[in-house]
Protein backbone atom coordinates (compact mmCIF):
# COMPACT_ATOMS: atom_id res chain seq x y z
CA UNK A 1 34.94 18.93 -4.07
CA UNK A 2 35.11 20.15 -7.74
CA UNK A 3 33.90 16.87 -9.37
CA UNK A 4 32.37 13.81 -7.77
CA UNK A 5 34.19 11.70 -10.42
CA UNK A 6 37.77 12.10 -11.51
CA UNK A 7 38.31 8.88 -13.40
CA UNK A 8 36.42 5.77 -14.41
CA UNK A 9 37.36 2.40 -15.87
CA UNK A 10 35.05 0.16 -17.87
CA UNK A 11 36.27 -3.49 -17.66
CA UNK A 12 35.92 -5.32 -21.00
CA UNK A 13 36.92 -8.72 -22.33
CA UNK A 14 37.98 -7.50 -25.86
CA UNK A 15 39.38 -4.06 -26.01
CA UNK A 16 39.23 -3.84 -29.84
CA UNK A 17 35.58 -4.83 -30.00
CA UNK A 18 34.79 -2.33 -27.15
CA UNK A 19 36.58 0.50 -28.86
CA UNK A 20 34.49 -0.08 -31.98
CA UNK A 21 31.26 -0.11 -29.80
CA UNK A 22 32.08 3.03 -27.86
CA UNK A 23 33.41 4.99 -30.74
CA UNK A 24 30.33 4.08 -32.79
CA UNK A 25 27.75 4.90 -30.11
CA UNK A 26 29.28 7.90 -28.59
CA UNK A 27 31.35 9.21 -31.57
CA UNK A 28 34.52 9.43 -29.60
CA UNK A 29 38.25 8.59 -30.02
CA UNK A 30 40.67 6.74 -27.87
CA UNK A 31 44.31 6.81 -26.91
CA UNK A 32 45.71 3.34 -26.42
CA UNK A 33 47.80 2.69 -23.37
CA UNK A 34 49.03 -0.20 -21.25
CA UNK A 35 49.42 -0.41 -17.57
CA UNK A 36 50.95 -3.54 -15.81
CA UNK A 37 50.60 -5.50 -19.08
CA UNK A 38 46.91 -4.76 -19.40
CA UNK A 39 45.69 -3.02 -22.64
CA UNK A 40 43.69 0.20 -21.91
CA UNK A 41 41.99 2.70 -24.23
CA UNK A 42 41.57 6.12 -22.75
CA UNK A 43 38.58 8.19 -23.80
CA UNK A 44 39.55 11.38 -25.70
CA UNK A 45 37.82 13.74 -23.31
CA UNK A 46 38.44 17.01 -21.52
CA UNK A 47 38.25 17.54 -17.70
CA UNK A 48 36.94 14.20 -16.42
CA UNK A 49 37.78 11.12 -18.44
CA UNK A 50 38.22 7.33 -18.16
CA UNK A 51 39.19 4.19 -20.04
CA UNK A 52 38.31 0.83 -21.22
CA UNK A 53 40.39 -1.85 -19.32
CA UNK A 54 40.78 -5.25 -20.77
CA UNK A 55 40.57 -7.95 -18.13
CA UNK A 56 40.80 -11.70 -18.90
CA UNK A 57 37.71 -13.75 -18.02
CA UNK A 58 35.69 -10.58 -17.28
CA UNK A 59 31.97 -10.97 -16.79
CA UNK A 60 29.88 -7.91 -16.21
CA UNK A 61 27.67 -7.85 -13.05
CA UNK A 62 23.95 -7.61 -13.59
CA UNK A 63 23.83 -4.74 -10.98
CA UNK A 64 26.35 -2.26 -9.77
CA UNK A 65 27.63 1.21 -10.29
CA UNK A 66 26.27 2.83 -13.41
CA UNK A 67 28.08 5.67 -15.21
CA UNK A 68 26.49 8.12 -17.62
CA UNK A 69 28.61 8.99 -20.59
CA UNK A 70 28.29 12.36 -22.41
CA UNK A 71 26.34 11.83 -25.65
CA UNK A 72 27.33 13.59 -28.87
CA UNK A 73 23.68 14.17 -29.74
CA UNK A 74 20.24 13.21 -28.46
CA UNK A 75 19.18 10.10 -26.70
CA UNK A 76 17.21 8.98 -29.67
CA UNK A 77 20.20 9.35 -32.03
CA UNK A 78 22.50 7.57 -29.51
CA UNK A 79 20.03 4.73 -28.94
CA UNK A 80 19.77 4.30 -32.81
CA UNK A 81 23.50 3.21 -32.91
CA UNK A 82 23.48 0.82 -30.01
CA UNK A 83 22.23 -2.51 -31.38
CA UNK A 84 24.05 -2.16 -34.75
CA UNK A 85 27.32 -1.70 -32.78
CA UNK A 86 26.68 -4.86 -30.82
CA UNK A 87 25.06 -3.52 -27.71
CA UNK A 88 21.64 -3.87 -26.19
CA UNK A 89 19.04 -1.32 -25.04
CA UNK A 90 18.16 -2.23 -21.50
CA UNK A 91 15.64 0.60 -20.86
CA UNK A 92 14.56 2.88 -23.73
CA UNK A 93 14.09 6.65 -23.38
CA UNK A 94 12.03 7.59 -20.43
CA UNK A 95 11.17 10.92 -18.94
CA UNK A 96 12.40 11.81 -15.50
CA UNK A 97 10.16 14.97 -15.30
CA UNK A 98 9.17 17.57 -17.82
CA UNK A 99 11.61 19.98 -16.02
CA UNK A 100 14.58 17.63 -15.83
CA UNK A 101 14.77 15.46 -19.04
CA UNK A 102 15.16 11.90 -20.22
CA UNK A 103 17.28 8.82 -19.36
CA UNK A 104 17.98 5.51 -20.97
CA UNK A 105 20.18 2.46 -20.11
CA UNK A 106 22.20 0.46 -22.58
CA UNK A 107 24.55 -2.47 -22.33
CA UNK A 108 27.84 -2.75 -24.13
CA UNK A 109 28.89 -6.09 -25.76
CA UNK A 110 30.33 -7.25 -22.39
CA UNK A 111 27.10 -6.51 -20.51
CA UNK A 112 28.29 -3.33 -18.75
CA UNK A 113 25.27 -1.08 -18.19
CA UNK A 114 25.81 2.48 -19.30
CA UNK A 115 23.44 5.40 -18.60
CA UNK A 116 22.31 8.03 -20.97
CA UNK A 117 21.02 11.39 -19.89
CA UNK A 118 19.51 14.25 -21.93
CA UNK A 119 18.36 17.36 -20.00
CA UNK A 120 15.57 19.63 -21.25
CA UNK A 121 17.72 22.67 -21.95
CA UNK A 122 18.94 23.10 -25.50
């Protein structure tokens, strides 16, 4: 298996609000699409990508699968953009080990929990 993940979808209740959140926090762009009448916004990414998927009456679960999105810079810089963009910091930066790196968990405006990871290598 080349990659464990080949596509992901983040369900959201308001695609425009979510695009603002993710583009602000992760400094990424989107390509708008629609499938079966549902608006989607595909992350501009190479290799493995995914999308925001608008669902009516969506409510994020408190626990479930967590994805880790590639950050454009450090965990500290990424965390600094979360609350201003309408999200929440669930768990701030914490060290895994000195050899591995750091992690944090945030929630988007819908409550989806997204992981952040920064390794120790430059």
